[in-house]
N, C-alpha and C. Protein backbone atom coordinates (compact mmCIF):
# COMPACT_ATOMS: atom_id res chain seq x y z
N MET A 1 -113.06 110.56 -38.33
CA MET A 1 -114.16 109.95 -38.24
C MET A 1 -113.70 109.89 -39.65
N THR A 2 -114.79 108.98 -40.52
CA THR A 2 -114.12 108.80 -42.30
C THR A 2 -115.40 109.94 -42.37
N TYR A 3 -115.34 110.21 -43.96
CA TYR A 3 -116.25 110.94 -45.04
C TYR A 3 -117.30 110.29 -44.77
N ALA A 4 -117.33 109.03 -44.83
CA ALA A 4 -118.76 108.16 -45.18
C ALA A 4 -119.73 108.53 -43.94
N LYS A 5 -118.91 107.88 -42.89
CA LYS A 5 -119.31 107.93 -42.05
C LYS A 5 -120.13 109.02 -41.19
N SER A 6 -119.14 109.98 -41.94
CA SER A 6 -119.79 111.69 -40.97
C SER A 6 -120.94 111.92 -41.86
N LYS A 7 -121.07 111.76 -42.83
CA LYS A 7 -122.07 111.73 -43.83
C LYS A 7 -123.23 111.06 -43.56
N LEU A 8 -123.42 110.07 -43.06
CA LEU A 8 -124.25 108.76 -42.57
C LEU A 8 -124.90 109.55 -41.04
N THR A 9 -124.01 110.11 -40.63
CA THR A 9 -124.75 110.83 -39.28
C THR A 9 -125.23 112.03 -39.55
N VAL A 10 -124.47 112.61 -40.50
CA VAL A 10 -125.44 113.77 -40.38
C VAL A 10 -126.76 113.56 -41.35
N SER A 11 -127.28 112.69 -42.15
CA SER A 11 -128.11 112.09 -42.61
C SER A 11 -128.76 111.29 -41.60
N SER A 12 -128.58 110.84 -40.59
CA SER A 12 -129.57 110.16 -39.37
C SER A 12 -130.08 111.62 -38.62
N ILE A 13 -128.99 112.44 -38.45
CA ILE A 13 -129.54 113.25 -37.70
C ILE A 13 -130.64 114.27 -38.34
N LEU A 14 -130.30 114.32 -39.82
CA LEU A 14 -131.76 115.35 -40.14
C LEU A 14 -132.78 114.35 -40.55
N GLU A 15 -132.70 112.89 -40.51
CA GLU A 15 -133.97 112.17 -40.79
C GLU A 15 -134.59 112.31 -39.20
N ALA A 16 -133.76 112.14 -38.34
CA ALA A 16 -134.55 111.96 -36.41
C ALA A 16 -135.14 113.82 -36.77
N ALA A 17 -134.47 114.83 -37.22
CA ALA A 17 -134.92 115.91 -37.03
C ALA A 17 -136.24 116.20 -37.56
N ARG A 18 -136.34 115.41 -39.02
CA ARG A 18 -137.63 115.66 -39.94
C ARG A 18 -138.33 115.30 -38.80
N THR A 19 -138.54 113.52 -38.77
CA THR A 19 -140.09 112.93 -37.50
C THR A 19 -140.41 113.74 -36.38
N LEU A 20 -138.93 114.41 -35.56
CA LEU A 20 -139.66 114.65 -34.30
C LEU A 20 -140.26 116.28 -34.80
N PHE A 21 -139.68 116.98 -36.08
CA PHE A 21 -140.06 118.40 -36.45
C PHE A 21 -141.83 118.05 -36.89
N LEU A 22 -141.81 117.39 -37.42
CA LEU A 22 -142.75 117.04 -38.05
C LEU A 22 -144.57 116.67 -36.82
N ASP A 23 -143.74 115.41 -35.70
CA ASP A 23 -144.34 115.17 -34.48
C ASP A 23 -145.05 116.39 -33.93
N LYS A 24 -143.65 117.28 -33.57
CA LYS A 24 -143.93 117.96 -32.45
C LYS A 24 -143.67 119.58 -33.32
N ASN A 25 -144.04 120.57 -32.31
CA ASN A 25 -143.69 122.00 -32.66
C ASN A 25 -142.41 122.26 -32.40
N TYR A 26 -141.91 123.16 -33.25
CA TYR A 26 -140.49 123.73 -33.36
C TYR A 26 -139.98 123.63 -31.58
N ALA A 27 -141.00 124.34 -30.97
CA ALA A 27 -140.67 124.63 -29.19
C ALA A 27 -140.47 123.22 -28.70
N ASP A 28 -141.09 122.47 -28.71
CA ASP A 28 -140.88 121.41 -28.00
C ASP A 28 -139.80 120.12 -28.44
N VAL A 29 -139.37 120.43 -29.69
CA VAL A 29 -138.05 119.66 -29.57
C VAL A 29 -136.93 119.78 -29.70
N THR A 30 -136.08 119.66 -28.76
CA THR A 30 -134.94 119.70 -28.11
C THR A 30 -133.67 119.08 -28.87
N ILE A 31 -132.48 119.23 -28.59
CA ILE A 31 -131.37 119.00 -28.99
C ILE A 31 -130.89 117.22 -28.32
N THR A 32 -131.52 117.46 -26.94
CA THR A 32 -131.16 115.97 -26.95
C THR A 32 -132.69 115.09 -27.32
N ASP A 33 -133.41 115.77 -27.57
CA ASP A 33 -134.69 114.96 -28.29
C ASP A 33 -133.80 114.33 -29.75
N ILE A 34 -133.20 115.23 -30.76
CA ILE A 34 -132.99 114.96 -31.41
C ILE A 34 -131.58 114.03 -31.96
N ALA A 35 -130.81 114.05 -30.76
CA ALA A 35 -129.26 113.45 -30.58
C ALA A 35 -130.05 111.58 -30.18
N ALA A 36 -130.68 111.79 -29.55
CA ALA A 36 -131.36 110.35 -28.78
C ALA A 36 -132.31 109.97 -30.34
N ALA A 37 -132.82 110.21 -31.03
CA ALA A 37 -133.68 109.91 -32.11
C ALA A 37 -132.50 109.38 -32.97
N ALA A 38 -131.68 110.34 -32.97
CA ALA A 38 -130.35 109.80 -34.55
C ALA A 38 -129.44 108.69 -34.08
N GLY A 39 -129.46 108.40 -32.84
CA GLY A 39 -128.82 107.52 -32.16
C GLY A 39 -127.05 108.37 -31.97
N VAL A 40 -127.01 109.37 -31.73
CA VAL A 40 -125.55 109.76 -31.70
C VAL A 40 -125.73 110.74 -30.34
N SER A 41 -124.23 110.79 -29.50
CA SER A 41 -124.40 111.68 -28.85
C SER A 41 -124.60 112.84 -28.98
N LYS A 42 -124.55 114.32 -27.79
CA LYS A 42 -124.76 115.51 -28.29
C LYS A 42 -123.36 116.04 -28.63
N GLY A 43 -122.19 115.39 -28.49
CA GLY A 43 -121.20 116.13 -29.07
C GLY A 43 -121.01 115.94 -30.36
N ALA A 44 -121.38 114.70 -31.32
CA ALA A 44 -121.60 114.46 -32.25
C ALA A 44 -122.13 115.24 -33.13
N LEU A 45 -123.58 115.24 -32.50
CA LEU A 45 -124.48 116.72 -32.99
C LEU A 45 -124.11 118.07 -33.29
N TYR A 46 -123.22 118.39 -32.36
CA TYR A 46 -122.43 119.76 -31.99
C TYR A 46 -121.47 119.85 -33.00
N HIS A 47 -121.20 118.53 -33.54
CA HIS A 47 -120.06 118.56 -33.71
C HIS A 47 -120.21 118.73 -35.63
N HIS A 48 -121.35 119.02 -35.91
CA HIS A 48 -121.59 118.63 -37.47
C HIS A 48 -123.05 120.26 -37.32
N PHE A 49 -123.58 120.54 -36.60
CA PHE A 49 -124.38 121.43 -36.14
C PHE A 49 -123.90 122.78 -35.03
N ALA A 50 -124.44 123.61 -35.27
CA ALA A 50 -124.24 124.52 -34.29
C ALA A 50 -125.53 125.13 -33.28
N SER A 51 -126.22 124.62 -33.67
CA SER A 51 -127.68 124.72 -33.07
C SER A 51 -128.93 123.95 -33.69
N LYS A 52 -130.11 123.96 -32.75
CA LYS A 52 -131.32 123.31 -33.37
C LYS A 52 -131.48 124.21 -34.52
N GLU A 53 -131.64 125.65 -33.99
CA GLU A 53 -131.66 126.26 -35.45
C GLU A 53 -130.94 126.13 -36.72
N ASP A 54 -130.14 125.78 -36.21
CA ASP A 54 -128.91 125.25 -37.41
C ASP A 54 -129.50 123.62 -38.16
N ILE A 55 -129.84 123.05 -37.55
CA ILE A 55 -130.46 121.62 -37.47
C ILE A 55 -131.82 121.48 -38.55
N TYR A 56 -132.61 122.67 -38.22
CA TYR A 56 -134.04 122.59 -38.52
C TYR A 56 -133.76 123.27 -39.91
N LEU A 57 -132.75 124.37 -40.05
CA LEU A 57 -132.80 125.21 -41.70
C LEU A 57 -131.74 124.12 -42.51
N GLN A 58 -130.82 123.38 -41.98
CA GLN A 58 -130.44 122.08 -42.89
C GLN A 58 -131.38 121.25 -43.36
N MET A 59 -131.61 120.98 -42.42
CA MET A 59 -133.16 119.62 -42.39
C MET A 59 -133.83 120.26 -43.74
N MET A 60 -134.60 121.96 -43.90
CA MET A 60 -135.38 122.09 -44.51
C MET A 60 -134.53 122.07 -45.50
N HIS A 61 -133.82 122.47 -46.00
CA HIS A 61 -133.32 122.77 -47.28
C HIS A 61 -132.77 121.42 -47.98
N HIS A 62 -132.31 120.60 -47.05
CA HIS A 62 -131.89 118.82 -47.61
C HIS A 62 -133.11 118.68 -48.19
N PHE A 63 -134.69 118.34 -47.49
CA PHE A 63 -135.46 118.11 -47.96
C PHE A 63 -136.18 118.62 -49.06
N LEU A 64 -136.18 120.19 -48.58
CA LEU A 64 -136.31 120.95 -49.86
C LEU A 64 -136.04 120.74 -51.70
N ARG A 65 -134.35 120.43 -51.32
CA ARG A 65 -133.55 119.94 -52.66
C ARG A 65 -134.49 118.51 -52.95
N GLU A 66 -134.36 117.80 -52.36
CA GLU A 66 -135.04 116.81 -53.14
C GLU A 66 -136.77 116.64 -53.44
N ILE A 67 -136.97 117.47 -52.81
CA ILE A 67 -139.01 118.21 -53.91
C ILE A 67 -138.27 118.74 -54.87
N GLN A 68 -136.91 119.86 -55.04
CA GLN A 68 -136.77 120.57 -56.00
C GLN A 68 -136.64 119.47 -57.27
N THR A 69 -135.95 118.50 -56.62
CA THR A 69 -134.85 118.25 -57.76
C THR A 69 -136.29 117.02 -58.61
N VAL A 70 -137.66 116.79 -58.31
CA VAL A 70 -138.46 116.09 -58.51
C VAL A 70 -139.21 117.21 -59.55
N THR A 71 -139.40 117.77 -58.69
CA THR A 71 -140.05 119.17 -59.66
C THR A 71 -139.45 119.62 -60.66
N GLN A 72 -138.23 120.18 -60.49
CA GLN A 72 -137.60 120.51 -61.73
C GLN A 72 -137.20 119.46 -62.41
N GLY A 73 -137.06 118.67 -62.13
CA GLY A 73 -137.32 117.22 -63.37
C GLY A 73 -138.40 117.15 -64.22
N THR A 74 -139.04 117.24 -63.52
CA THR A 74 -140.94 116.93 -64.50
C THR A 74 -141.03 118.23 -65.23
N THR A 75 -140.93 119.57 -64.46
CA THR A 75 -140.75 120.80 -65.51
C THR A 75 -139.79 120.82 -66.28
N ASP A 76 -138.99 120.57 -66.36
CA ASP A 76 -137.85 120.36 -67.74
C ASP A 76 -138.19 119.01 -69.09
N THR A 77 -138.83 117.82 -68.05
CA THR A 77 -138.88 117.36 -69.28
C THR A 77 -140.55 116.97 -69.67
N SER A 78 -141.39 117.41 -69.24
CA SER A 78 -142.89 117.58 -69.37
C SER A 78 -143.08 118.39 -70.54
N THR A 79 -144.15 117.87 -71.26
CA THR A 79 -144.40 118.18 -72.92
C THR A 79 -146.17 118.16 -73.18
N GLY A 80 -145.77 118.92 -74.09
CA GLY A 80 -147.62 119.29 -74.35
C GLY A 80 -147.85 120.65 -73.94
N THR A 81 -149.51 120.87 -73.70
CA THR A 81 -150.20 121.74 -73.78
C THR A 81 -149.46 122.51 -72.08
N CYS A 82 -149.95 123.22 -72.01
CA CYS A 82 -149.35 124.09 -70.71
C CYS A 82 -150.57 123.32 -69.80
N ARG A 83 -151.67 122.95 -70.02
CA ARG A 83 -152.88 122.00 -68.51
C ARG A 83 -152.10 120.86 -69.08
N GLU A 84 -152.10 120.09 -69.58
CA GLU A 84 -151.27 118.84 -69.62
C GLU A 84 -149.61 118.63 -68.90
N ARG A 85 -148.88 120.19 -68.91
CA ARG A 85 -147.48 120.00 -68.65
C ARG A 85 -148.08 120.02 -66.47
N LEU A 86 -148.73 121.30 -66.67
CA LEU A 86 -149.10 121.53 -65.32
C LEU A 86 -149.74 119.90 -64.72
N ARG A 87 -150.39 119.28 -65.53
CA ARG A 87 -151.08 117.70 -65.11
C ARG A 87 -149.74 117.29 -64.42
N GLN A 88 -149.23 116.74 -65.53
CA GLN A 88 -147.70 115.94 -65.37
C GLN A 88 -147.34 116.19 -64.34
N SER A 89 -146.63 117.60 -63.71
CA SER A 89 -146.01 118.17 -63.15
C SER A 89 -146.55 117.69 -61.55
N LEU A 90 -147.86 118.22 -61.58
CA LEU A 90 -148.42 117.64 -60.30
C LEU A 90 -148.82 116.44 -60.03
N VAL A 91 -149.28 115.71 -60.93
CA VAL A 91 -149.13 114.13 -60.80
C VAL A 91 -147.75 113.38 -60.00
N SER A 92 -146.70 114.31 -60.65
CA SER A 92 -145.22 113.76 -60.16
C SER A 92 -145.25 113.98 -58.98
N PHE A 93 -145.31 115.35 -58.60
CA PHE A 93 -144.85 116.09 -57.25
C PHE A 93 -145.80 115.23 -56.09
N LEU A 94 -147.61 115.05 -56.71
CA LEU A 94 -148.40 114.05 -55.68
C LEU A 94 -147.94 113.05 -55.09
N GLN A 95 -146.86 112.03 -56.34
CA GLN A 95 -146.61 110.64 -56.07
C GLN A 95 -145.43 110.73 -55.64
N MET A 96 -144.96 111.53 -54.69
CA MET A 96 -143.78 112.34 -53.84
C MET A 96 -144.22 111.35 -52.16
N PRO A 97 -142.91 110.64 -52.04
CA PRO A 97 -143.90 110.03 -50.68
C PRO A 97 -144.16 110.87 -49.68
N ASP A 98 -144.73 110.78 -48.69
CA ASP A 98 -145.31 111.61 -47.86
C ASP A 98 -144.38 112.30 -46.89
N GLU A 99 -143.01 111.47 -46.46
CA GLU A 99 -142.07 112.18 -45.90
C GLU A 99 -141.87 113.00 -46.11
N LEU A 100 -142.12 113.11 -47.61
CA LEU A 100 -141.12 114.16 -48.20
C LEU A 100 -142.13 115.43 -48.61
N LEU A 101 -143.54 114.95 -49.02
CA LEU A 101 -144.46 116.38 -48.71
C LEU A 101 -144.76 117.19 -47.37
N ASN A 102 -144.88 116.25 -46.23
CA ASN A 102 -145.10 116.53 -45.12
C ASN A 102 -144.21 117.46 -44.84
N VAL A 103 -142.92 117.50 -45.34
CA VAL A 103 -141.43 118.81 -45.23
C VAL A 103 -142.35 120.14 -45.32
N LEU A 104 -143.39 120.34 -46.45
CA LEU A 104 -143.84 121.77 -47.25
C LEU A 104 -144.42 122.21 -46.09
N ARG A 105 -145.41 120.75 -45.50
CA ARG A 105 -146.45 121.82 -44.07
C ARG A 105 -145.31 122.66 -43.02
N LEU A 106 -144.52 122.01 -42.80
CA LEU A 106 -143.66 122.36 -42.37
C LEU A 106 -143.15 124.18 -42.32
N VAL A 107 -143.13 124.35 -43.67
CA VAL A 107 -142.73 125.68 -43.80
C VAL A 107 -144.05 126.53 -43.65
N ARG A 108 -145.17 126.50 -43.95
CA ARG A 108 -146.37 127.04 -43.93
C ARG A 108 -146.38 127.45 -41.74
N ARG A 109 -146.02 125.87 -41.15
CA ARG A 109 -146.35 126.34 -39.95
C ARG A 109 -145.40 127.18 -39.05
N ASP A 110 -144.22 126.61 -39.65
CA ASP A 110 -142.64 127.09 -38.77
C ASP A 110 -142.38 128.59 -38.89
N ILE A 111 -142.49 129.20 -40.28
CA ILE A 111 -142.08 130.34 -41.00
C ILE A 111 -142.24 131.73 -39.78
N ASN A 112 -143.27 131.82 -38.99
CA ASN A 112 -143.03 133.08 -38.23
C ASN A 112 -142.27 133.01 -36.89
N ILE A 113 -142.07 131.67 -36.82
CA ILE A 113 -140.94 131.57 -35.23
C ILE A 113 -139.53 132.10 -35.71
N PHE A 114 -139.28 131.82 -37.22
CA PHE A 114 -137.50 132.72 -37.48
C PHE A 114 -137.69 134.17 -37.55
N THR A 115 -136.57 134.69 -37.51
CA THR A 115 -136.26 136.14 -38.28
C THR A 115 -135.73 136.13 -38.94
N ASP A 116 -135.35 137.12 -39.88
CA ASP A 116 -134.13 136.73 -41.01
C ASP A 116 -133.02 137.26 -40.59
N PRO A 117 -132.30 136.45 -40.70
CA PRO A 117 -132.07 135.92 -43.11
C PRO A 117 -131.91 134.42 -42.51
N MET A 118 -132.71 134.09 -41.16
CA MET A 118 -132.86 132.82 -41.62
C MET A 118 -134.62 132.15 -42.40
N ARG A 119 -135.25 133.13 -41.73
CA ARG A 119 -136.41 133.17 -42.20
C ARG A 119 -136.83 133.51 -44.34
N HIS A 120 -135.76 134.72 -44.40
CA HIS A 120 -136.05 134.71 -45.71
C HIS A 120 -135.12 133.66 -46.84
N ASP A 121 -134.29 133.19 -45.91
CA ASP A 121 -133.72 131.49 -46.44
C ASP A 121 -134.83 130.52 -46.68
N LEU A 122 -135.27 130.41 -45.56
CA LEU A 122 -136.43 129.22 -45.52
C LEU A 122 -137.61 129.44 -46.64
N ILE A 123 -137.80 130.92 -46.77
CA ILE A 123 -139.09 131.41 -47.57
C ILE A 123 -138.31 131.35 -49.12
N ALA A 124 -136.76 131.64 -49.32
CA ALA A 124 -136.20 131.26 -50.99
C ALA A 124 -136.51 129.92 -51.13
N ALA A 125 -136.09 129.33 -50.53
CA ALA A 125 -135.82 127.43 -50.58
C ALA A 125 -137.03 126.90 -50.64
N TYR A 126 -137.96 127.14 -50.14
CA TYR A 126 -139.32 126.55 -50.64
C TYR A 126 -139.75 126.96 -52.36
N GLN A 127 -139.13 128.37 -52.15
CA GLN A 127 -140.30 129.04 -53.55
C GLN A 127 -138.95 128.49 -54.90
N ILE A 128 -138.06 127.98 -54.50
CA ILE A 128 -137.41 127.33 -55.29
C ILE A 128 -137.94 126.12 -55.67
N ALA A 129 -138.09 125.62 -54.67
CA ALA A 129 -138.63 124.15 -54.88
C ALA A 129 -139.95 123.47 -55.60
N VAL A 130 -141.01 124.21 -55.63
CA VAL A 130 -141.92 124.46 -55.80
C VAL A 130 -142.61 125.88 -56.47
N PRO A 131 -143.03 126.71 -56.33
CA PRO A 131 -144.21 127.48 -56.79
C PRO A 131 -143.19 128.05 -58.06
N GLU A 132 -141.69 128.41 -58.06
CA GLU A 132 -140.80 128.91 -59.37
C GLU A 132 -140.81 127.83 -60.49
N GLN A 133 -141.34 126.34 -60.09
CA GLN A 133 -141.43 125.41 -61.34
C GLN A 133 -142.59 125.57 -61.35
N VAL A 134 -143.53 125.82 -60.89
CA VAL A 134 -144.77 125.94 -61.65
C VAL A 134 -145.00 127.50 -62.70
N GLU A 135 -144.40 128.07 -61.72
CA GLU A 135 -144.16 129.60 -62.51
C GLU A 135 -143.83 129.16 -63.76
N ARG A 136 -142.69 128.42 -64.37
CA ARG A 136 -141.70 128.77 -65.41
C ARG A 136 -142.99 127.82 -66.13
N ILE A 137 -143.89 126.76 -66.18
CA ILE A 137 -144.85 126.58 -67.19
C ILE A 137 -146.24 127.34 -67.41
N ILE A 138 -146.56 128.06 -66.38
CA ILE A 138 -147.66 129.14 -66.65
C ILE A 138 -147.03 130.03 -67.65
N ARG A 139 -145.68 130.39 -67.27
CA ARG A 139 -145.10 132.00 -68.00
C ARG A 139 -145.44 131.20 -69.53
N SER A 140 -145.09 129.62 -70.14
CA SER A 140 -145.39 129.55 -71.27
C SER A 140 -146.47 129.20 -71.27
N GLY A 141 -147.60 128.73 -70.80
CA GLY A 141 -148.98 128.92 -71.30
C GLY A 141 -149.07 130.50 -71.24
N ILE A 142 -148.50 131.14 -70.79
CA ILE A 142 -149.46 133.06 -71.35
C ILE A 142 -148.67 133.11 -72.31
N GLU A 143 -147.07 132.79 -72.83
CA GLU A 143 -146.45 133.01 -74.22
C GLU A 143 -147.56 132.37 -75.21
N ASN A 144 -148.19 131.18 -75.11
CA ASN A 144 -148.17 130.64 -76.36
C ASN A 144 -149.91 130.94 -76.28
N GLY A 145 -150.64 131.66 -74.90
CA GLY A 145 -151.68 131.88 -75.32
C GLY A 145 -152.97 131.00 -75.10
N GLU A 146 -152.12 130.13 -74.22
CA GLU A 146 -153.33 129.16 -73.44
C GLU A 146 -153.65 129.93 -72.21
N ILE A 147 -153.13 130.63 -71.13
CA ILE A 147 -153.66 131.58 -70.53
C ILE A 147 -153.32 132.49 -70.42
N LYS A 148 -154.74 133.71 -69.90
CA LYS A 148 -154.88 134.95 -70.01
C LYS A 148 -153.33 135.74 -69.47
N PRO A 149 -153.02 136.57 -69.97
CA PRO A 149 -152.12 137.44 -69.74
C PRO A 149 -151.81 137.96 -68.22
N ILE A 150 -151.58 137.26 -66.98
CA ILE A 150 -151.91 137.60 -66.10
C ILE A 150 -150.45 137.32 -64.77
N ASP A 151 -149.70 137.89 -63.75
CA ASP A 151 -148.84 137.95 -63.66
C ASP A 151 -148.54 136.07 -62.91
N ALA A 152 -147.46 135.54 -63.77
CA ALA A 152 -147.27 134.28 -63.68
C ALA A 152 -146.99 133.91 -62.26
N ARG A 153 -146.04 134.61 -61.49
CA ARG A 153 -145.77 134.18 -60.51
C ARG A 153 -146.99 134.11 -59.14
N LEU A 154 -147.94 135.41 -59.38
CA LEU A 154 -148.60 135.26 -58.51
C LEU A 154 -149.61 133.73 -59.02
N LEU A 155 -150.02 133.48 -60.26
CA LEU A 155 -150.81 132.09 -60.83
C LEU A 155 -150.04 131.11 -59.57
N SER A 156 -148.81 130.85 -60.14
CA SER A 156 -147.89 130.09 -59.48
C SER A 156 -148.10 130.15 -58.23
N TRP A 157 -148.38 131.12 -57.00
CA TRP A 157 -148.77 130.74 -55.64
C TRP A 157 -150.15 130.33 -55.78
N GLU A 158 -150.98 130.97 -56.07
CA GLU A 158 -152.84 130.44 -56.17
C GLU A 158 -152.60 129.16 -56.65
N LEU A 159 -152.37 128.28 -57.39
CA LEU A 159 -151.62 126.90 -57.55
C LEU A 159 -150.92 126.26 -56.40
N VAL A 160 -149.98 126.83 -56.08
CA VAL A 160 -149.17 125.72 -54.65
C VAL A 160 -150.14 126.19 -53.59
N ALA A 161 -151.37 126.82 -53.67
CA ALA A 161 -151.98 127.12 -52.80
C ALA A 161 -153.07 126.37 -52.39
N LEU A 162 -153.24 126.06 -53.53
CA LEU A 162 -154.34 125.05 -53.55
C LEU A 162 -154.37 123.27 -53.37
N VAL A 163 -152.82 123.23 -54.43
CA VAL A 163 -152.26 121.96 -53.57
C VAL A 163 -152.04 121.50 -52.34
N GLU A 164 -151.77 122.98 -51.38
CA GLU A 164 -151.13 122.51 -50.15
C GLU A 164 -152.76 122.42 -49.58
N VAL A 165 -153.66 122.84 -50.04
CA VAL A 165 -155.39 122.27 -49.24
C VAL A 165 -155.57 120.72 -49.36
N ALA A 166 -154.91 120.28 -50.90
CA ALA A 166 -155.34 119.34 -51.06
C ALA A 166 -154.33 118.31 -50.36
N LEU A 167 -153.22 118.80 -49.82
CA LEU A 167 -152.99 117.53 -49.39
C LEU A 167 -153.03 117.54 -47.85
N ARG A 168 -154.41 118.26 -47.65
CA ARG A 168 -154.65 118.23 -45.87
C ARG A 168 -155.62 116.69 -46.07
N PRO A 169 -155.34 115.90 -44.66
CA PRO A 169 -155.89 115.09 -44.84
C PRO A 169 -157.64 114.72 -44.93
N TYR A 170 -158.63 115.84 -45.19
CA TYR A 170 -160.00 115.76 -45.30
C TYR A 170 -159.72 116.00 -46.74
N SER A 171 -159.22 116.48 -47.76
CA SER A 171 -158.93 116.43 -49.34
C SER A 171 -158.86 115.48 -49.83
N ARG A 172 -157.81 114.67 -48.67
CA ARG A 172 -157.00 113.31 -49.90
C ARG A 172 -158.11 112.56 -49.59
N SER A 173 -159.02 112.48 -48.67
CA SER A 173 -159.98 111.45 -48.23
C SER A 173 -160.83 111.75 -49.42
N LEU A 174 -161.29 112.88 -49.70
CA LEU A 174 -162.31 113.39 -50.85
C LEU A 174 -161.94 113.09 -52.31
N LEU A 175 -160.53 113.16 -52.68
CA LEU A 175 -160.13 113.06 -54.00
C LEU A 175 -159.53 112.38 -54.38
N GLY A 176 -159.03 111.36 -53.59
CA GLY A 176 -158.37 110.28 -53.97
C GLY A 176 -156.80 110.10 -54.56
N GLY A 177 -156.45 109.39 -55.39
CA GLY A 177 -154.59 109.56 -55.36
C GLY A 177 -154.16 110.59 -56.47
N ALA A 178 -153.27 110.62 -56.33
CA ALA A 178 -152.20 111.39 -57.10
C ALA A 178 -153.14 111.45 -58.69
N GLU A 179 -153.26 110.86 -59.55
CA GLU A 179 -153.93 111.20 -60.53
C GLU A 179 -155.39 111.94 -60.73
N ASP A 180 -156.50 111.40 -59.69
CA ASP A 180 -157.27 112.52 -60.21
C ASP A 180 -157.51 113.57 -59.22
N MET A 181 -156.30 113.40 -58.19
CA MET A 181 -156.24 114.68 -57.13
C MET A 181 -155.78 115.77 -58.12
N ALA A 182 -154.92 115.43 -59.05
CA ALA A 182 -154.34 116.55 -60.08
C ALA A 182 -155.33 117.14 -61.09
N ASP A 183 -156.19 115.78 -61.32
CA ASP A 183 -157.29 116.58 -62.56
C ASP A 183 -158.15 117.48 -62.12
N PHE A 184 -158.78 117.02 -60.38
CA PHE A 184 -159.50 117.89 -60.09
C PHE A 184 -158.66 119.49 -59.88
N LEU A 185 -157.26 119.39 -59.72
CA LEU A 185 -156.75 120.94 -59.20
C LEU A 185 -156.74 121.39 -60.40
N ILE A 186 -156.38 120.89 -61.46
CA ILE A 186 -156.15 121.83 -62.94
C ILE A 186 -157.66 122.09 -63.48
N GLN A 187 -158.40 120.91 -62.76
CA GLN A 187 -159.61 121.77 -63.48
C GLN A 187 -160.31 122.71 -62.57
N LEU A 188 -159.98 123.06 -61.44
CA LEU A 188 -160.12 124.07 -60.97
C LEU A 188 -159.59 125.12 -61.10
N PHE A 189 -157.91 125.16 -60.94
CA PHE A 189 -157.01 125.86 -61.53
C PHE A 189 -157.35 126.86 -62.70
N LEU A 190 -157.89 125.74 -63.87
CA LEU A 190 -157.73 126.47 -64.90
C LEU A 190 -159.37 126.62 -65.23
N ASP A 191 -160.05 126.51 -64.75
CA ASP A 191 -161.74 126.63 -65.58
C ASP A 191 -162.32 127.16 -64.53
N GLY A 192 -162.00 126.94 -63.22
CA GLY A 192 -162.69 127.91 -61.90
C GLY A 192 -163.89 126.89 -61.41
N ILE A 193 -165.08 127.40 -60.60
CA ILE A 193 -166.11 126.80 -60.26
C ILE A 193 -167.54 126.95 -60.13
N ALA A 194 -167.45 128.27 -61.28
CA ALA A 194 -168.28 128.48 -62.15
C ALA A 194 -169.28 127.28 -62.85
N ASN A 195 -170.43 127.37 -62.73
CA ASN A 195 -171.28 126.49 -63.44
C ASN A 195 -171.16 126.60 -64.97
N LYS A 196 -170.92 126.15 -65.98
CA LYS A 196 -170.80 126.72 -67.52
C LYS A 196 -172.26 126.92 -68.20
N THR A 197 -173.11 126.25 -67.30
CA THR A 197 -174.57 126.08 -67.75
C THR A 197 -175.44 127.09 -67.09
N ALA A 198 -174.98 128.16 -65.94
CA ALA A 198 -175.69 128.63 -65.29
C ALA A 198 -175.92 129.91 -65.63
């Protein structure tokens, strides 16, 4: 098998796995299902992956790296105030294809299925892809005096939690597209929900 064909086979398996794991619970997806969806034999699948856990972990790492590329790129190139940089990052993040955004849902859904070191590995990959990028912007906002001196990591997780809720169908139906959703989330995160006139 040539390198190009081998890479294509791995890519097909990871795509098929993502689709199946998004449609079904982890326990309901079998190696046979993944091989059939990828259009490969079980032997070809086992040539590249040792187990269903291995496929899942490599699939998550593959797509979390894609997400990290977007989030890190935006973090590195965003300009302006902390509010403006957070908004730019959120818009860029929210404009990613649903196929990528839905992978984040799997982290929350499936994390307790696994034990360490796989669980720890998955959490670390998720943290690098999303919260750590947000934390960098928040940390600069704290250093510039734009944000109260609260733990930047804690704040980044708070914003990520808001974003995860906003990605659910009900929230999406209320909040509209990426720009409107980003505006709402930044306002909620930085300004809170208190009525300033009360």
